[in-house]
Amino acid sequence: MTAQVEAIDHKTRMVTLKNADGETVTIKASEEIRNLPQVQVGDTVSVSYYTALAAQIKPKGSTQSSEVQYDVGGARAAPGLRPGMMAAAAK
């Protein structure tokens, strides 16, 4: 989505975005976004995200482990470039 930065607290890294439909969402920009100080209120940013769910169905009485697995990965812009990052997390 493309959104406008409505509010940003550089100290806490909380960023409020407003999309074209007028909906707002507040996110915490992770430390991986190393060029966040370049972002200001009023800037237009492009944000891509998705959610997914994966499930495993086990037979009744199964002794397989039911522990939650969690994987994380990401990439970020080089210092001095325009702010950007990609992050993924999977449970």
C-alpha atoms as a PDB file:
ATOM      1  CA  MET A   1       0.000   0.000   0.000  1.00  0.00           C
ATOM      2  CA  THR A   2       0.988   3.610  -0.388  1.00  0.00           C
ATOM      3  CA  ALA A   3       0.447   5.683   2.723  1.00  0.00           C
ATOM      4  CA  GLN A   4       1.201   9.093   4.121  1.00  0.00           C
ATOM      5  CA  VAL A   5       3.153   9.435   7.356  1.00  0.00           C
ATOM      6  CA  GLU A   6       0.700  11.043   9.787  1.00  0.00           C
ATOM      7  CA  ALA A   7       2.907  10.950  12.892  1.00  0.00           C
ATOM      8  CA  ILE A   8       6.350   9.702  13.769  1.00  0.00           C
ATOM      9  CA  ASP A   9       8.193   9.471  17.055  1.00  0.00           C
ATOM     10  CA  HIS A  10      11.822   8.933  16.159  1.00  0.00           C
ATOM     11  CA  LYS A  11      12.736   8.184  19.777  1.00  0.00           C
ATOM     12  CA  THR A  12      10.226   5.321  20.196  1.00  0.00           C
ATOM     13  CA  ARG A  13      10.190   4.479  16.447  1.00  0.00           C
ATOM     14  CA  MET A  14       6.374   4.508  16.372  1.00  0.00           C
ATOM     15  CA  VAL A  15       5.029   5.546  12.953  1.00  0.00           C
ATOM     16  CA  THR A  16       1.374   6.252  12.119  1.00  0.00           C
ATOM     17  CA  LEU A  17       0.440   5.735   8.472  1.00  0.00           C
ATOM     18  CA  LYS A  18      -2.758   6.755   6.655  1.00  0.00           C
ATOM     19  CA  ASN A  19      -3.789   4.970   3.461  1.00  0.00           C
ATOM     20  CA  ALA A  20      -5.829   6.319   0.524  1.00  0.00           C
ATOM     21  CA  ASP A  21      -9.082   5.133   2.184  1.00  0.00           C
ATOM     22  CA  GLY A  22      -8.321   7.261   5.254  1.00  0.00           C
ATOM     23  CA  GLU A  23      -7.561   4.255   7.465  1.00  0.00           C
ATOM     24  CA  THR A  24      -4.657   4.654   9.861  1.00  0.00           C
ATOM     25  CA  VAL A  25      -2.333   2.124  11.369  1.00  0.00           C
ATOM     26  CA  THR A  26       0.484   2.639  13.851  1.00  0.00           C
ATOM     27  CA  ILE A  27       3.525   0.405  13.624  1.00  0.00           C
ATOM     28  CA  LYS A  28       6.830   0.186  15.429  1.00  0.00           C
ATOM     29  CA  ALA A  29       9.697   0.514  12.984  1.00  0.00           C
ATOM     30  CA  SER A  30      12.315  -2.036  13.921  1.00  0.00           C
ATOM     31  CA  GLU A  31      15.991  -1.212  14.337  1.00  0.00           C
ATOM     32  CA  GLU A  32      16.574  -2.797  10.906  1.00  0.00           C
ATOM     33  CA  ILE A  33      15.168   0.401   9.392  1.00  0.00           C
ATOM     34  CA  ARG A  34      18.440   2.227   9.868  1.00  0.00           C
ATOM     35  CA  ASN A  35      17.526   5.304   7.787  1.00  0.00           C
ATOM     36  CA  LEU A  36      14.315   6.100   9.698  1.00  0.00           C
ATOM     37  CA  PRO A  37      15.585   9.589  10.669  1.00  0.00           C
ATOM     38  CA  GLN A  38      15.138  10.567   7.006  1.00  0.00           C
ATOM     39  CA  VAL A  39      11.359   9.948   7.221  1.00  0.00           C
ATOM     40  CA  GLN A  40       9.204  12.910   8.232  1.00  0.00           C
ATOM     41  CA  VAL A  41       5.493  13.647   8.746  1.00  0.00           C
ATOM     42  CA  GLY A  42       3.846  14.199   5.361  1.00  0.00           C
ATOM     43  CA  ASP A  43       6.147  11.826   3.466  1.00  0.00           C
ATOM     44  CA  THR A  44       4.510   9.249   1.228  1.00  0.00           C
ATOM     45  CA  VAL A  45       5.836   5.746   1.740  1.00  0.00           C
ATOM     46  CA  SER A  46       5.211   2.414   0.064  1.00  0.00           C
ATOM     47  CA  VAL A  47       4.564  -0.490   2.386  1.00  0.00           C
ATOM     48  CA  SER A  48       4.188  -4.118   1.371  1.00  0.00           C
ATOM     49  CA  TYR A  49       2.947  -6.710   3.779  1.00  0.00           C
ATOM     50  CA  TYR A  50       1.090  -9.970   3.886  1.00  0.00           C
ATOM     51  CA  THR A  51      -0.174 -12.385   6.427  1.00  0.00           C
ATOM     52  CA  ALA A  52      -0.298 -16.118   6.100  1.00  0.00           C
ATOM     53  CA  LEU A  53      -1.263 -19.092   8.175  1.00  0.00           C
ATOM     54  CA  ALA A  54       0.110 -22.592   7.939  1.00  0.00           C
ATOM     55  CA  ALA A  55      -1.371 -25.483   9.870  1.00  0.00           C
ATOM     56  CA  GLN A  56      -0.555 -29.114  10.379  1.00  0.00           C
ATOM     57  CA  ILE A  57      -3.364 -31.533  11.120  1.00  0.00           C
ATOM     58  CA  LYS A  58      -2.361 -34.516  13.245  1.00  0.00           C
ATOM     59  CA  PRO A  59      -4.268 -37.704  13.821  1.00  0.00           C
ATOM     60  CA  LYS A  60      -6.004 -38.044  17.174  1.00  0.00           C
ATOM     61  CA  GLY A  61      -3.581 -39.445  19.745  1.00  0.00           C
ATOM     62  CA  SER A  62      -0.536 -38.409  17.708  1.00  0.00           C
ATOM     63  CA  THR A  63       2.710 -38.176  19.667  1.00  0.00           C
ATOM     64  CA  GLN A  64       4.265 -35.659  17.291  1.00  0.00           C
ATOM     65  CA  SER A  65       5.548 -32.481  18.903  1.00  0.00           C
ATOM     66  CA  SER A  66       3.045 -29.639  18.963  1.00  0.00           C
ATOM     67  CA  GLU A  67       5.554 -26.913  19.787  1.00  0.00           C
ATOM     68  CA  VAL A  68       5.304 -23.624  17.912  1.00  0.00           C
ATOM     69  CA  GLN A  69       8.089 -22.925  15.445  1.00  0.00           C
ATOM     70  CA  TYR A  70       9.160 -19.371  14.724  1.00  0.00           C
ATOM     71  CA  ASP A  71      11.420 -18.129  11.907  1.00  0.00           C
ATOM     72  CA  VAL A  72      12.533 -14.556  11.190  1.00  0.00           C
ATOM     73  CA  GLY A  73      14.418 -13.011   8.278  1.00  0.00           C
ATOM     74  CA  GLY A  74      14.976  -9.628   6.711  1.00  0.00           C
ATOM     75  CA  ALA A  75      17.012  -7.162   4.705  1.00  0.00           C
ATOM     76  CA  ARG A  76      17.536  -3.415   4.949  1.00  0.00           C
ATOM     77  CA  ALA A  77      18.756  -0.419   2.971  1.00  0.00           C
ATOM     78  CA  ALA A  78      22.426   0.485   3.061  1.00  0.00           C
ATOM     79  CA  PRO A  79      23.412   3.498   5.192  1.00  0.00           C
ATOM     80  CA  GLY A  80      22.746   6.759   3.362  1.00  0.00           C
ATOM     81  CA  LEU A  81      20.226   5.300   0.918  1.00  0.00           C
ATOM     82  CA  ARG A  82      16.500   5.963   1.010  1.00  0.00           C
ATOM     83  CA  PRO A  83      14.861   4.280   3.998  1.00  0.00           C
ATOM     84  CA  GLY A  84      13.697   0.758   3.301  1.00  0.00           C
ATOM     85  CA  MET A  85      13.541  -2.704   4.743  1.00  0.00           C
ATOM     86  CA  MET A  86      11.967  -6.074   4.331  1.00  0.00           C
ATOM     87  CA  ALA A  87      11.131  -8.335   7.220  1.00  0.00           C
ATOM     88  CA  ALA A  88       9.430 -11.676   7.523  1.00  0.00           C
ATOM     89  CA  ALA A  89       8.328 -13.657  10.519  1.00  0.00           C
ATOM     90  CA  ALA A  90       6.712 -17.054  10.605  1.00  0.00           C
ATOM     91  CA  LYS A  91       5.324 -19.036  13.484  1.00  0.00           C
END
